[in-house]
Amino acid sequence: MSIVNTNISYNSGILRQNLSVLLRNYPFLNVQIVGNSVLGKPIYVIKLGRGAKKVFYSGSIHANEWITSVLLMKFIEDYCIAYTNRSNLYEYSVTSLFNSTSIYIMPMVNPDGVDLVTGYLPVSSPSYQKAIHIANQFSSIPFPDGWKANLNGVNLKNYQPSY
């Protein structure tokens, strides 16, 4: 039975549930929270493997890219199944890959934006209302369907990111 359903609109809640079940079924997964979104949602990184070579994949940098989160999570599930069965994935030995390469996956960089465009963020919430306020400053970008969500409530015309 598949854990990651690719036939639904994905959101941060489903991601969290999928990671919980994947970790329970595949304890060799290394799941870390590396930060939180503006709305306090965890931002995860999943490490597959223990090799010296390092690869990094990320998804859902922009809100409308939520499908990339589903694809990365499905890849994690397929990788875990292949590793457990000592089989191949796309003609690569996953056991060999696991030992030679560390794959780091951040499946949802922008959980607030994903939740906004997939309808998981309630329209009545203060965060959604802040998003509308920001979007009104950029009338050429349809809200929320075409919007690359940034829910921190700042005036983006004068915004200077802080690191």
Protein backbone atom coordinates (compact mmCIF):
# COMPACT_ATOMS: atom_id res chain seq x y z
CA MET A 1 0.00 0.00 0.00
CA SER A 2 1.32 3.40 -0.97
CA ILE A 3 1.93 6.01 1.73
CA VAL A 4 2.29 9.05 -0.53
CA ASN A 5 -0.89 9.68 -2.51
CA THR A 6 -0.07 11.54 -5.72
CA ASN A 7 -3.72 12.10 -6.71
CA ILE A 8 -4.57 14.83 -4.21
CA SER A 9 -3.71 18.48 -3.60
CA TYR A 10 -0.76 18.35 -1.26
CA ASN A 11 -0.28 20.58 1.79
CA SER A 12 1.86 20.86 4.91
CA GLY A 13 -0.50 18.69 6.96
CA ILE A 14 -0.34 15.81 4.50
CA LEU A 15 3.44 16.20 4.29
CA ARG A 16 3.71 15.91 8.08
CA GLN A 17 1.47 12.80 8.09
CA ASN A 18 3.42 11.19 5.24
CA LEU A 19 6.74 11.80 7.01
CA SER A 20 5.40 10.30 10.23
CA VAL A 21 4.28 7.10 8.48
CA LEU A 22 7.44 6.87 6.37
CA LEU A 23 9.62 7.23 9.46
CA ARG A 24 7.62 4.60 11.31
CA ASN A 25 7.98 2.15 8.38
CA TYR A 26 11.57 3.05 7.46
CA PRO A 27 13.50 3.92 10.63
CA PHE A 28 16.73 4.41 8.65
CA LEU A 29 15.31 7.72 7.39
CA ASN A 30 16.85 10.79 8.95
CA VAL A 31 14.15 13.47 9.26
CA GLN A 32 15.14 16.86 10.66
CA ILE A 33 13.30 20.13 11.19
CA VAL A 34 15.68 22.82 9.98
CA GLY A 35 13.48 25.83 10.63
CA ASN A 36 9.95 27.14 10.68
CA SER A 37 7.89 29.14 8.23
CA VAL A 38 6.53 32.59 9.00
CA LEU A 39 3.34 30.90 10.25
CA GLY A 40 5.37 28.51 12.41
CA LYS A 41 5.09 25.39 10.25
CA PRO A 42 8.11 23.07 10.32
CA ILE A 43 10.47 22.97 7.35
CA TYR A 44 11.84 19.45 6.98
CA VAL A 45 14.96 17.95 5.47
CA ILE A 46 15.10 14.22 4.89
CA LYS A 47 18.47 12.51 4.51
CA LEU A 48 18.70 9.30 2.50
CA GLY A 49 21.99 7.41 2.61
CA ARG A 50 25.33 7.80 4.32
CA GLY A 51 27.81 8.33 1.53
CA ALA A 52 30.44 11.01 1.03
CA LYS A 53 28.84 12.37 -2.16
CA LYS A 54 26.14 14.89 -1.34
CA VAL A 55 23.08 15.85 -3.38
CA PHE A 56 20.35 18.33 -2.42
CA TYR A 57 16.81 18.56 -3.81
CA SER A 58 14.15 21.07 -2.82
CA GLY A 59 10.53 21.57 -3.75
CA SER A 60 7.73 24.09 -3.40
CA ILE A 61 9.92 27.15 -3.25
CA HIS A 62 6.98 29.04 -4.75
CA ALA A 63 3.43 28.34 -3.66
CA ASN A 64 2.18 27.04 -7.01
CA GLU A 65 5.00 24.51 -7.21
CA TRP A 66 3.31 22.23 -4.64
CA ILE A 67 3.37 19.30 -7.08
CA THR A 68 7.16 19.16 -6.61
CA SER A 69 6.59 18.28 -2.93
CA VAL A 70 4.45 15.30 -3.88
CA LEU A 71 7.04 14.12 -6.41
CA LEU A 72 9.90 14.38 -3.93
CA MET A 73 7.91 12.56 -1.25
CA LYS A 74 7.00 9.80 -3.72
CA PHE A 75 10.70 9.52 -4.62
CA ILE A 76 11.54 9.14 -0.91
CA GLU A 77 8.93 6.38 -0.58
CA ASP A 78 10.15 4.57 -3.71
CA TYR A 79 13.78 4.88 -2.53
CA CYS A 80 12.85 3.40 0.87
CA ILE A 81 10.99 0.50 -0.69
CA ALA A 82 13.90 -0.26 -3.02
CA TYR A 83 16.43 -0.02 -0.18
CA THR A 84 14.36 -2.34 2.03
CA ASN A 85 13.96 -4.85 -0.83
CA ARG A 86 17.60 -4.48 -1.92
CA SER A 87 16.38 -3.68 -5.39
CA ASN A 88 16.98 -1.07 -8.06
CA LEU A 89 15.37 2.29 -8.60
CA TYR A 90 15.62 3.64 -12.14
CA GLU A 91 18.29 1.00 -12.88
CA TYR A 92 20.44 2.09 -9.91
CA SER A 93 21.22 -0.18 -6.99
CA VAL A 94 19.73 1.68 -4.04
CA THR A 95 21.95 -0.23 -1.60
CA SER A 96 25.01 0.98 -3.48
CA LEU A 97 23.57 4.49 -3.73
CA PHE A 98 22.76 4.49 0.00
CA ASN A 99 26.39 3.67 0.84
CA SER A 100 28.00 6.07 -1.63
CA THR A 101 25.71 9.11 -1.58
CA SER A 102 23.85 11.24 0.94
CA ILE A 103 20.70 12.68 -0.61
CA TYR A 104 19.18 15.63 1.24
CA ILE A 105 15.59 16.49 0.35
CA MET A 106 13.69 19.57 1.50
CA PRO A 107 10.28 18.70 0.06
CA MET A 108 8.42 21.89 1.02
CA VAL A 109 10.45 25.07 1.36
CA ASN A 110 7.32 27.26 1.44
CA PRO A 111 4.60 25.47 3.46
CA ASP A 112 2.67 28.72 4.05
CA GLY A 113 2.40 29.42 0.32
CA VAL A 114 1.49 25.81 -0.49
CA ASP A 115 -1.26 25.84 2.12
CA LEU A 116 -2.55 29.12 0.72
CA VAL A 117 -2.91 27.98 -2.90
CA THR A 118 -4.16 24.46 -2.10
CA GLY A 119 -6.91 25.76 0.19
CA TYR A 120 -5.46 24.37 3.43
CA LEU A 121 -5.12 27.88 4.90
CA PRO A 122 -8.61 29.02 5.94
CA VAL A 123 -9.89 32.09 4.08
CA SER A 124 -11.04 33.57 7.39
CA SER A 125 -7.60 33.27 9.02
CA PRO A 126 -5.56 36.39 9.80
CA SER A 127 -2.70 34.95 7.72
CA TYR A 128 -4.91 34.62 4.65
CA GLN A 129 -6.12 38.19 5.16
CA LYS A 130 -2.49 39.41 5.38
CA ALA A 131 -1.76 37.56 2.15
CA ILE A 132 -4.66 39.34 0.43
CA HIS A 133 -3.32 42.68 1.66
CA ILE A 134 0.13 41.93 0.23
CA ALA A 135 -1.32 40.58 -3.03
CA ASN A 136 -3.33 43.77 -3.55
CA GLN A 137 -0.01 45.58 -4.01
CA PHE A 138 0.69 43.34 -7.03
CA SER A 139 -2.54 43.42 -9.00
CA SER A 140 -0.97 41.88 -12.11
CA ILE A 141 -0.48 38.58 -10.25
CA PRO A 142 -3.81 36.78 -9.71
CA PHE A 143 -4.52 35.91 -6.09
CA PRO A 144 -4.20 33.24 -4.84
CA ASP A 145 -3.89 31.06 -7.95
CA GLY A 146 -0.87 32.77 -9.50
CA TRP A 147 0.64 34.21 -6.39
CA LYS A 148 4.05 33.24 -5.08
CA ALA A 149 3.00 33.53 -1.47
CA ASN A 150 4.96 35.45 1.08
CA LEU A 151 2.91 35.68 4.23
CA ASN A 152 5.13 37.79 6.44
CA GLY A 153 2.95 40.86 6.02
CA VAL A 154 5.67 43.27 4.91
CA ASN A 155 5.45 45.82 2.14
CA LEU A 156 7.33 43.94 -0.58
CA LYS A 157 8.22 47.12 -2.43
CA ASN A 158 10.63 48.06 0.36
CA TYR A 159 11.35 44.58 1.69
CA GLN A 160 14.93 43.71 2.58
CA PRO A 161 15.34 40.02 3.52
CA SER A 162 17.14 39.21 6.76
CA TYR A 163 19.29 36.14 7.18
